[in-house]
Amino acid sequence: MLLDHRTYICRPGTLKKHLAIYEAYGKAPQTKHLGQPVAFLTTESGNVNTYVHIWAYADAADRATKRAAMQADPDWIAYLEKSAEAGYLEFQENRLMLPVGFMPPPVRAGG
């Protein structure tokens, strides 16, 4: 299993607006191609302008195939354009992570 851990920081006061754009335009095409995330979280302490989502893939090839299909989807492209136009994001960090052998992999909600 390969986990794609993504952290995003929005400009102060724009997190709710940014997530509203994602919910309206990005969620459907993203989950169509990637399935449901392991987690999609906002920060309660620390930098409260931060949100994180984690996606699980069988391996790097599975990730590459699914993300390529998503990147080619006109609905996803439209979402990216709306998000860029709004300009709420300040920072993005992606980490590809592997579960350690002595802990079970995360369980997806509903599955």
N, C-alpha and C. Protein backbone atom coordinates (compact mmCIF):
# COMPACT_ATOMS: atom_id res chain seq x y z
N MET A 1 0.84 -1.17 0.00
CA MET A 1 0.00 0.00 0.00
C MET A 1 0.89 1.23 0.00
N LEU A 2 0.50 2.24 -0.78
CA LEU A 2 1.18 3.52 -0.84
C LEU A 2 0.19 4.59 -0.42
N LEU A 3 0.58 5.43 0.53
CA LEU A 3 -0.29 6.51 0.99
C LEU A 3 0.24 7.84 0.47
N ASP A 4 -0.64 8.64 -0.06
CA ASP A 4 -0.31 9.97 -0.57
C ASP A 4 -0.87 10.97 0.45
N HIS A 5 0.01 11.54 1.27
CA HIS A 5 -0.35 12.47 2.34
C HIS A 5 -0.13 13.89 1.82
N ARG A 6 -1.21 14.66 1.73
CA ARG A 6 -1.15 16.00 1.15
C ARG A 6 -1.57 17.05 2.17
N THR A 7 -0.72 18.04 2.35
CA THR A 7 -1.00 19.15 3.27
C THR A 7 -1.10 20.43 2.46
N TYR A 8 -2.14 21.20 2.73
CA TYR A 8 -2.38 22.47 2.05
C TYR A 8 -2.58 23.57 3.08
N ILE A 9 -2.06 24.75 2.80
CA ILE A 9 -2.28 25.91 3.66
C ILE A 9 -2.92 27.01 2.81
N CYS A 10 -4.02 27.53 3.31
CA CYS A 10 -4.75 28.61 2.64
C CYS A 10 -4.39 29.96 3.27
N ARG A 11 -4.61 31.02 2.50
CA ARG A 11 -4.47 32.36 3.06
C ARG A 11 -5.43 32.51 4.23
N PRO A 12 -5.03 33.23 5.27
CA PRO A 12 -5.92 33.41 6.43
C PRO A 12 -7.31 33.89 6.01
N GLY A 13 -8.32 33.26 6.59
CA GLY A 13 -9.70 33.63 6.34
C GLY A 13 -10.31 33.05 5.08
N THR A 14 -9.58 32.20 4.36
CA THR A 14 -10.11 31.68 3.09
C THR A 14 -10.33 30.17 3.07
N LEU A 15 -10.01 29.49 4.17
CA LEU A 15 -10.11 28.02 4.17
C LEU A 15 -11.52 27.55 3.83
N LYS A 16 -12.54 28.11 4.46
CA LYS A 16 -13.91 27.68 4.19
C LYS A 16 -14.30 27.96 2.75
N LYS A 17 -13.88 29.08 2.19
CA LYS A 17 -14.18 29.40 0.79
C LYS A 17 -13.49 28.41 -0.15
N HIS A 18 -12.24 28.10 0.17
CA HIS A 18 -11.50 27.15 -0.67
C HIS A 18 -12.16 25.77 -0.63
N LEU A 19 -12.51 25.30 0.56
CA LEU A 19 -13.15 23.99 0.67
C LEU A 19 -14.52 23.96 0.00
N ALA A 20 -15.22 25.10 -0.01
CA ALA A 20 -16.51 25.17 -0.71
C ALA A 20 -16.32 24.99 -2.21
N ILE A 21 -15.26 25.57 -2.77
CA ILE A 21 -14.97 25.38 -4.20
C ILE A 21 -14.65 23.91 -4.46
N TYR A 22 -13.84 23.31 -3.59
CA TYR A 22 -13.51 21.90 -3.75
C TYR A 22 -14.78 21.04 -3.69
N GLU A 23 -15.62 21.29 -2.69
CA GLU A 23 -16.83 20.48 -2.54
C GLU A 23 -17.74 20.61 -3.76
N ALA A 24 -17.86 21.81 -4.30
CA ALA A 24 -18.76 22.05 -5.43
C ALA A 24 -18.19 21.53 -6.75
N TYR A 25 -16.88 21.62 -6.94
CA TYR A 25 -16.32 21.33 -8.26
C TYR A 25 -15.25 20.24 -8.29
N GLY A 26 -14.53 20.02 -7.20
CA GLY A 26 -13.40 19.10 -7.22
C GLY A 26 -13.67 17.72 -6.64
N LYS A 27 -14.54 17.65 -5.66
CA LYS A 27 -14.76 16.37 -4.95
C LYS A 27 -15.26 15.27 -5.90
N ALA A 28 -16.26 15.57 -6.70
CA ALA A 28 -16.84 14.53 -7.58
C ALA A 28 -15.82 13.97 -8.57
N PRO A 29 -15.10 14.81 -9.33
CA PRO A 29 -14.14 14.21 -10.26
C PRO A 29 -12.96 13.53 -9.55
N GLN A 30 -12.56 14.06 -8.41
CA GLN A 30 -11.44 13.44 -7.71
C GLN A 30 -11.82 12.06 -7.17
N THR A 31 -12.95 11.96 -6.50
CA THR A 31 -13.34 10.66 -5.96
C THR A 31 -13.76 9.69 -7.06
N LYS A 32 -14.20 10.22 -8.19
CA LYS A 32 -14.52 9.35 -9.34
C LYS A 32 -13.28 8.57 -9.76
N HIS A 33 -12.13 9.21 -9.72
CA HIS A 33 -10.90 8.57 -10.19
C HIS A 33 -10.09 7.92 -9.06
N LEU A 34 -10.11 8.53 -7.87
CA LEU A 34 -9.25 8.04 -6.79
C LEU A 34 -9.97 7.22 -5.74
N GLY A 35 -11.31 7.22 -5.76
CA GLY A 35 -12.06 6.59 -4.69
C GLY A 35 -12.14 7.55 -3.51
N GLN A 36 -12.61 7.06 -2.38
CA GLN A 36 -12.72 7.90 -1.19
C GLN A 36 -11.36 8.02 -0.50
N PRO A 37 -11.06 9.18 0.06
CA PRO A 37 -9.79 9.32 0.77
C PRO A 37 -9.81 8.54 2.08
N VAL A 38 -8.64 8.20 2.57
CA VAL A 38 -8.50 7.60 3.89
C VAL A 38 -8.91 8.64 4.94
N ALA A 39 -8.52 9.90 4.69
CA ALA A 39 -8.87 11.00 5.60
C ALA A 39 -8.89 12.30 4.82
N PHE A 40 -9.75 13.22 5.26
CA PHE A 40 -9.81 14.58 4.72
C PHE A 40 -10.10 15.44 5.94
N LEU A 41 -9.10 16.19 6.42
CA LEU A 41 -9.13 16.80 7.74
C LEU A 41 -8.77 18.28 7.71
N THR A 42 -9.40 19.06 8.58
CA THR A 42 -8.97 20.42 8.82
C THR A 42 -8.26 20.47 10.17
N THR A 43 -7.43 21.48 10.34
CA THR A 43 -6.62 21.59 11.55
C THR A 43 -7.38 22.33 12.64
N GLU A 44 -7.37 21.76 13.83
CA GLU A 44 -8.06 22.35 14.98
C GLU A 44 -7.10 23.16 15.85
N SER A 45 -5.80 22.84 15.78
CA SER A 45 -4.80 23.59 16.53
C SER A 45 -3.59 23.79 15.62
N GLY A 46 -2.70 24.67 16.02
CA GLY A 46 -1.58 25.00 15.14
C GLY A 46 -2.06 25.97 14.07
N ASN A 47 -1.60 25.80 12.86
CA ASN A 47 -2.02 26.69 11.78
C ASN A 47 -3.42 26.28 11.33
N VAL A 48 -4.41 27.03 11.76
CA VAL A 48 -5.81 26.68 11.49
C VAL A 48 -6.22 26.96 10.04
N ASN A 49 -5.30 27.39 9.23
CA ASN A 49 -5.56 27.60 7.80
C ASN A 49 -5.13 26.37 6.99
N THR A 50 -4.91 25.26 7.67
CA THR A 50 -4.36 24.05 7.07
C THR A 50 -5.41 22.96 6.95
N TYR A 51 -5.32 22.19 5.85
CA TYR A 51 -6.09 20.96 5.74
C TYR A 51 -5.22 19.88 5.13
N VAL A 52 -5.60 18.64 5.42
CA VAL A 52 -4.82 17.48 4.99
C VAL A 52 -5.77 16.47 4.38
N HIS A 53 -5.32 15.82 3.31
CA HIS A 53 -6.04 14.64 2.87
C HIS A 53 -5.05 13.55 2.53
N ILE A 54 -5.50 12.30 2.72
CA ILE A 54 -4.65 11.13 2.54
C ILE A 54 -5.38 10.16 1.62
N TRP A 55 -4.69 9.72 0.60
CA TRP A 55 -5.24 8.79 -0.39
C TRP A 55 -4.43 7.51 -0.37
N ALA A 56 -5.08 6.38 -0.52
CA ALA A 56 -4.41 5.08 -0.51
C ALA A 56 -4.41 4.48 -1.91
N TYR A 57 -3.28 3.92 -2.28
CA TYR A 57 -3.12 3.26 -3.58
C TYR A 57 -2.48 1.89 -3.36
N ALA A 58 -2.69 0.99 -4.26
CA ALA A 58 -2.06 -0.33 -4.17
C ALA A 58 -0.54 -0.19 -4.24
N ASP A 59 -0.07 0.69 -5.14
CA ASP A 59 1.36 0.91 -5.33
C ASP A 59 1.56 2.15 -6.20
N ALA A 60 2.79 2.45 -6.55
CA ALA A 60 3.08 3.66 -7.33
C ALA A 60 2.43 3.61 -8.72
N ALA A 61 2.36 2.45 -9.32
CA ALA A 61 1.73 2.34 -10.65
C ALA A 61 0.23 2.63 -10.56
N ASP A 62 -0.42 2.12 -9.52
CA ASP A 62 -1.84 2.39 -9.31
C ASP A 62 -2.07 3.89 -9.15
N ARG A 63 -1.23 4.53 -8.36
CA ARG A 63 -1.33 5.98 -8.15
C ARG A 63 -1.16 6.73 -9.47
N ALA A 64 -0.13 6.37 -10.23
CA ALA A 64 0.14 7.06 -11.49
C ALA A 64 -1.02 6.91 -12.47
N THR A 65 -1.59 5.72 -12.58
CA THR A 65 -2.71 5.47 -13.49
C THR A 65 -3.94 6.28 -13.09
N LYS A 66 -4.28 6.24 -11.82
CA LYS A 66 -5.48 6.95 -11.34
C LYS A 66 -5.31 8.47 -11.45
N ARG A 67 -4.14 8.97 -11.09
CA ARG A 67 -3.93 10.42 -11.15
C ARG A 67 -3.86 10.91 -12.59
N ALA A 68 -3.33 10.12 -13.50
CA ALA A 68 -3.30 10.52 -14.92
C ALA A 68 -4.71 10.63 -15.46
N ALA A 69 -5.57 9.69 -15.11
CA ALA A 69 -6.96 9.75 -15.57
C ALA A 69 -7.65 10.98 -14.99
N MET A 70 -7.40 11.27 -13.72
CA MET A 70 -8.00 12.45 -13.09
C MET A 70 -7.51 13.74 -13.75
N GLN A 71 -6.22 13.82 -14.00
CA GLN A 71 -5.65 15.03 -14.60
C GLN A 71 -6.19 15.28 -16.01
N ALA A 72 -6.66 14.24 -16.68
CA ALA A 72 -7.21 14.38 -18.03
C ALA A 72 -8.71 14.66 -18.02
N ASP A 73 -9.35 14.59 -16.87
CA ASP A 73 -10.80 14.77 -16.75
C ASP A 73 -11.15 16.26 -16.87
N PRO A 74 -12.00 16.64 -17.82
CA PRO A 74 -12.36 18.06 -17.99
C PRO A 74 -12.98 18.68 -16.72
N ASP A 75 -13.70 17.89 -15.94
CA ASP A 75 -14.27 18.43 -14.71
C ASP A 75 -13.19 18.74 -13.68
N TRP A 76 -12.15 17.91 -13.60
CA TRP A 76 -11.04 18.17 -12.69
C TRP A 76 -10.26 19.39 -13.16
N ILE A 77 -10.05 19.49 -14.45
CA ILE A 77 -9.34 20.65 -15.01
C ILE A 77 -10.11 21.93 -14.70
N ALA A 78 -11.42 21.89 -14.83
CA ALA A 78 -12.25 23.07 -14.51
C ALA A 78 -12.12 23.43 -13.04
N TYR A 79 -12.11 22.42 -12.17
CA TYR A 79 -11.92 22.70 -10.75
C TYR A 79 -10.57 23.38 -10.50
N LEU A 80 -9.50 22.86 -11.08
CA LEU A 80 -8.18 23.44 -10.88
C LEU A 80 -8.15 24.90 -11.33
N GLU A 81 -8.84 25.19 -12.43
CA GLU A 81 -8.91 26.57 -12.92
C GLU A 81 -9.65 27.47 -11.93
N LYS A 82 -10.78 26.99 -11.40
CA LYS A 82 -11.55 27.77 -10.42
C LYS A 82 -10.73 28.00 -9.15
N SER A 83 -10.02 26.96 -8.70
CA SER A 83 -9.21 27.08 -7.51
C SER A 83 -8.07 28.08 -7.72
N ALA A 84 -7.42 28.01 -8.85
CA ALA A 84 -6.32 28.93 -9.15
C ALA A 84 -6.84 30.37 -9.26
N GLU A 85 -7.98 30.52 -9.90
CA GLU A 85 -8.58 31.86 -10.06
C GLU A 85 -8.91 32.47 -8.69
N ALA A 86 -9.41 31.67 -7.76
CA ALA A 86 -9.74 32.16 -6.43
C ALA A 86 -8.47 32.57 -5.67
N GLY A 87 -7.39 31.84 -5.87
CA GLY A 87 -6.11 32.20 -5.28
C GLY A 87 -6.01 32.01 -3.77
N TYR A 88 -6.76 31.08 -3.22
CA TYR A 88 -6.77 30.89 -1.77
C TYR A 88 -5.59 30.08 -1.25
N LEU A 89 -5.02 29.22 -2.08
CA LEU A 89 -3.92 28.36 -1.62
C LEU A 89 -2.60 29.12 -1.57
N GLU A 90 -1.86 28.90 -0.48
CA GLU A 90 -0.53 29.49 -0.33
C GLU A 90 0.57 28.44 -0.44
N PHE A 91 0.27 27.20 -0.03
CA PHE A 91 1.32 26.19 0.12
C PHE A 91 0.74 24.80 -0.06
N GLN A 92 1.52 23.92 -0.65
CA GLN A 92 1.13 22.52 -0.79
C GLN A 92 2.36 21.66 -0.58
N GLU A 93 2.19 20.58 0.17
CA GLU A 93 3.26 19.61 0.36
C GLU A 93 2.68 18.21 0.21
N ASN A 94 3.31 17.39 -0.60
CA ASN A 94 2.87 16.00 -0.82
C ASN A 94 3.96 15.07 -0.33
N ARG A 95 3.54 14.03 0.37
CA ARG A 95 4.47 13.00 0.83
C ARG A 95 3.90 11.64 0.49
N LEU A 96 4.67 10.83 -0.19
CA LEU A 96 4.28 9.44 -0.45
C LEU A 96 4.85 8.61 0.69
N MET A 97 3.98 7.85 1.35
CA MET A 97 4.38 7.15 2.55
C MET A 97 3.97 5.68 2.48
N LEU A 98 4.75 4.84 3.18
CA LEU A 98 4.48 3.40 3.24
C LEU A 98 4.19 3.01 4.69
N PRO A 99 3.18 2.16 4.91
CA PRO A 99 2.92 1.68 6.27
C PRO A 99 4.09 0.83 6.76
N VAL A 100 4.35 0.88 8.04
CA VAL A 100 5.39 0.01 8.61
C VAL A 100 4.82 -1.38 8.82
N GLY A 101 5.68 -2.37 8.82
CA GLY A 101 5.24 -3.76 8.89
C GLY A 101 4.52 -4.16 10.16
N PHE A 102 4.82 -3.50 11.28
CA PHE A 102 4.23 -3.93 12.56
C PHE A 102 2.91 -3.23 12.89
N MET A 103 2.40 -2.39 11.98
CA MET A 103 1.10 -1.74 12.18
C MET A 103 0.21 -2.08 10.98
N PRO A 104 -1.05 -2.36 11.23
CA PRO A 104 -1.93 -2.65 10.10
C PRO A 104 -2.16 -1.39 9.26
N PRO A 105 -2.39 -1.56 7.97
CA PRO A 105 -2.68 -0.39 7.13
C PRO A 105 -3.99 0.27 7.56
N PRO A 106 -4.15 1.54 7.24
CA PRO A 106 -5.38 2.23 7.62
C PRO A 106 -6.60 1.60 6.95
N VAL A 107 -7.70 1.66 7.63
CA VAL A 107 -8.96 1.15 7.11
C VAL A 107 -9.74 2.33 6.56
N ARG A 108 -10.20 2.20 5.34
CA ARG A 108 -11.01 3.26 4.74
C ARG A 108 -12.42 3.23 5.32
N ALA A 109 -12.99 4.40 5.49
CA ALA A 109 -14.38 4.48 5.96
C ALA A 109 -15.28 3.79 4.95
N GLY A 110 -16.17 3.00 5.44
CA GLY A 110 -17.12 2.31 4.57
C GLY A 110 -16.51 1.13 3.83
N GLY A 111 -15.28 0.73 4.16
CA GLY A 111 -14.73 -0.38 3.43
C GLY A 111 -13.61 -0.98 4.04
